Amino acid sequence: MKKIALGICFILAGFANTASAQVKINVNIGSQPVWGPAGYDYAEYYYLPDVDAYYYIPDRQFIYLNGNKWVFARALPPSYHYDLYSGYKVIVNEPRPYLKPDVYREKYGKYKGWYGKQAVIRDSRDSRYYVVKGHPMNGKGNVNKHKGNKGKGHKKH
């Protein structure tokens, strides 16, 4: 009987750890940059159709082609002349999307030139974004004071 009870405890502990891990994986608002699109609880990559590049949120790295090699860098090359705040960003939650660039070019190329058509985290008054470093309300005390621009949760394209 003790063995059965002990086994049940281990199983329940495993479920608790799994549930905890899923919550941590599915919410990364504080990791997203202030120029990222508002309205998303989780994003792993942004695809930037205007410059055909990606941004990997966990490592804060841009990924772009230079010739036929993928470059991982903290910034886009100055020659791109890309405004991160007004350019359209597509959320991609798949591992290493840059390895399938034709898929993303085909699927999201229609967003090229959509400057200013997407709200960014910096301009959001949704209090959940106040944890984002660089947000105007970051560290300003009562984050529940401001409401409005309610996020739409986890979006997919």
Protein backbone atom coordinates (compact mmCIF):
# COMPACT_ATOMS: atom_id res chain seq x y z
CA MET A 1 0.00 0.00 0.00
CA LYS A 2 2.83 2.38 0.84
CA LYS A 3 4.42 1.66 -2.53
CA ILE A 4 1.19 2.55 -4.33
CA ALA A 5 0.81 5.79 -2.36
CA LEU A 6 4.45 6.67 -3.02
CA GLY A 7 4.00 5.95 -6.74
CA ILE A 8 0.94 8.21 -6.89
CA CYS A 9 2.92 11.00 -5.19
CA PHE A 10 5.69 10.71 -7.80
CA ILE A 11 3.17 10.81 -10.63
CA LEU A 12 1.42 13.88 -9.18
CA ALA A 13 4.78 15.62 -8.64
CA GLY A 14 5.62 14.93 -12.30
CA PHE A 15 2.34 16.51 -13.45
CA ALA A 16 2.95 19.56 -11.24
CA ASN A 17 6.44 20.05 -12.70
CA THR A 18 5.11 19.68 -16.24
CA ALA A 19 2.34 22.25 -15.66
CA SER A 20 4.83 24.68 -14.13
CA ALA A 21 7.22 24.28 -17.06
CA GLN A 22 4.42 24.89 -19.58
CA VAL A 23 3.47 28.17 -17.95
CA LYS A 24 7.07 29.38 -18.07
CA ILE A 25 7.45 28.35 -21.70
CA ASN A 26 4.20 29.90 -22.90
CA VAL A 27 4.68 33.42 -21.49
CA ASN A 28 7.72 35.55 -22.27
CA ILE A 29 6.36 39.08 -22.35
CA GLY A 30 9.26 40.46 -20.28
CA SER A 31 11.79 39.07 -22.78
CA GLN A 32 10.27 40.71 -25.84
CA PRO A 33 11.83 43.98 -27.06
CA VAL A 34 9.88 47.26 -26.82
CA TRP A 35 9.75 47.42 -30.62
CA GLY A 36 8.02 44.01 -30.73
CA PRO A 37 4.36 43.77 -31.67
CA ALA A 38 1.85 44.22 -28.84
CA GLY A 39 -0.85 41.66 -28.15
CA TYR A 40 1.20 38.51 -27.79
CA ASP A 41 1.87 36.52 -24.62
CA TYR A 42 4.58 34.45 -26.27
CA ALA A 43 6.88 34.82 -29.21
CA GLU A 44 10.07 32.94 -30.03
CA TYR A 45 11.01 34.58 -33.34
CA TYR A 46 9.92 37.62 -35.29
CA TYR A 47 10.10 37.45 -39.05
CA LEU A 48 10.79 40.86 -40.61
CA PRO A 49 9.43 40.59 -44.17
CA ASP A 50 10.72 44.03 -45.25
CA VAL A 51 14.33 42.93 -44.81
CA ASP A 52 13.84 39.14 -45.01
CA ALA A 53 15.43 38.65 -41.59
CA TYR A 54 14.53 37.08 -38.25
CA TYR A 55 14.91 38.07 -34.62
CA TYR A 56 15.43 35.32 -32.04
CA ILE A 57 13.96 36.65 -28.79
CA PRO A 58 15.64 34.34 -26.22
CA ASP A 59 19.17 35.27 -27.43
CA ARG A 60 18.26 38.81 -28.60
CA GLN A 61 19.83 38.15 -31.98
CA PHE A 62 18.97 39.10 -35.53
CA ILE A 63 19.45 36.42 -38.15
CA TYR A 64 19.96 37.47 -41.75
CA LEU A 65 21.60 36.23 -44.91
CA ASN A 66 24.95 37.58 -45.97
CA GLY A 67 25.63 35.94 -49.31
CA ASN A 68 24.67 32.34 -48.68
CA LYS A 69 25.53 32.28 -44.95
CA TRP A 70 23.25 33.02 -42.02
CA VAL A 71 24.64 35.73 -39.75
CA PHE A 72 23.66 35.94 -36.06
CA ALA A 73 24.18 39.47 -34.73
CA ARG A 74 22.97 41.89 -32.05
CA ALA A 75 21.94 44.41 -34.72
CA LEU A 76 20.94 44.50 -38.35
CA PRO A 77 23.52 45.90 -40.76
CA PRO A 78 23.23 49.72 -41.13
CA SER A 79 22.74 49.23 -44.87
CA TYR A 80 19.27 47.77 -44.15
CA HIS A 81 17.91 51.20 -43.03
CA TYR A 82 15.10 49.41 -41.20
CA ASP A 83 12.92 51.04 -38.54
CA LEU A 84 12.11 48.32 -36.00
CA TYR A 85 9.27 50.36 -34.51
CA SER A 86 7.29 50.86 -37.72
CA GLY A 87 8.19 47.75 -39.72
CA TYR A 88 5.80 44.81 -39.57
CA LYS A 89 6.86 41.79 -37.50
CA VAL A 90 5.37 38.32 -37.89
CA ILE A 91 5.38 36.03 -34.85
CA VAL A 92 6.94 32.66 -35.61
CA ASN A 93 6.88 29.97 -32.94
CA GLU A 94 8.73 27.22 -34.77
CA PRO A 95 12.31 26.12 -34.25
CA ARG A 96 14.87 27.74 -36.58
CA PRO A 97 12.49 29.20 -39.18
CA TYR A 98 15.42 30.74 -41.05
CA LEU A 99 16.24 27.24 -42.32
CA LYS A 100 13.01 27.39 -44.37
CA PRO A 101 13.23 30.95 -45.74
CA ASP A 102 11.18 30.29 -48.87
CA VAL A 103 8.24 29.15 -46.74
CA TYR A 104 8.23 32.41 -44.77
CA ARG A 105 8.85 34.63 -47.78
CA GLU A 106 5.89 33.04 -49.56
CA LYS A 107 3.58 33.00 -46.56
CA TYR A 108 4.35 36.46 -45.13
CA GLY A 109 5.67 38.47 -48.07
CA LYS A 110 2.28 40.19 -48.23
CA TYR A 111 3.25 42.15 -45.08
CA LYS A 112 6.13 43.90 -46.85
CA GLY A 113 5.61 47.64 -46.70
CA TRP A 114 3.06 47.53 -43.87
CA TYR A 115 4.85 50.32 -41.99
CA GLY A 116 3.03 51.63 -38.95
CA LYS A 117 0.17 49.13 -39.23
CA GLN A 118 1.10 47.24 -36.07
CA ALA A 119 1.04 48.44 -32.46
CA VAL A 120 4.34 47.96 -30.65
CA ILE A 121 4.95 47.12 -27.00
CA ARG A 122 6.50 50.53 -26.25
CA ASP A 123 3.24 52.28 -27.16
CA SER A 124 0.90 49.82 -25.45
CA ARG A 125 -0.92 50.86 -22.28
CA ASP A 126 -1.66 47.25 -21.39
CA SER A 127 -0.15 46.89 -17.91
CA ARG A 128 1.26 43.44 -18.64
CA TYR A 129 3.88 45.12 -20.85
CA TYR A 130 5.12 47.39 -18.06
CA VAL A 131 7.61 44.65 -17.12
CA VAL A 132 9.39 45.09 -20.46
CA LYS A 133 12.67 46.95 -20.05
CA GLY A 134 12.47 50.19 -22.02
CA HIS A 135 8.68 50.51 -21.78
CA PRO A 136 7.78 54.07 -20.65
CA MET A 137 5.89 52.65 -17.63
CA ASN A 138 8.61 50.18 -16.60
CA GLY A 139 9.39 50.65 -12.90
CA LYS A 140 6.75 53.36 -12.40
CA GLY A 141 4.98 51.87 -9.38
CA ASN A 142 1.36 50.74 -9.63
CA VAL A 143 1.16 48.93 -12.94
CA ASN A 144 -2.55 48.19 -12.48
CA LYS A 145 -3.40 51.89 -12.60
CA HIS A 146 -3.35 52.00 -16.42
CA LYS A 147 -5.71 49.86 -18.40
CA GLY A 148 -6.80 49.86 -21.98
CA ASN A 149 -5.30 48.30 -25.11
CA LYS A 150 -6.10 44.90 -23.71
CA GLY A 151 -3.84 42.34 -25.33
CA LYS A 152 -5.37 39.75 -27.55
CA GLY A 153 -3.36 36.92 -26.05
CA HIS A 154 -1.45 34.46 -28.13
CA LYS A 155 -1.94 35.30 -31.81
CA LYS A 156 -1.04 33.24 -34.83
CA HIS A 157 -0.68 34.19 -38.46
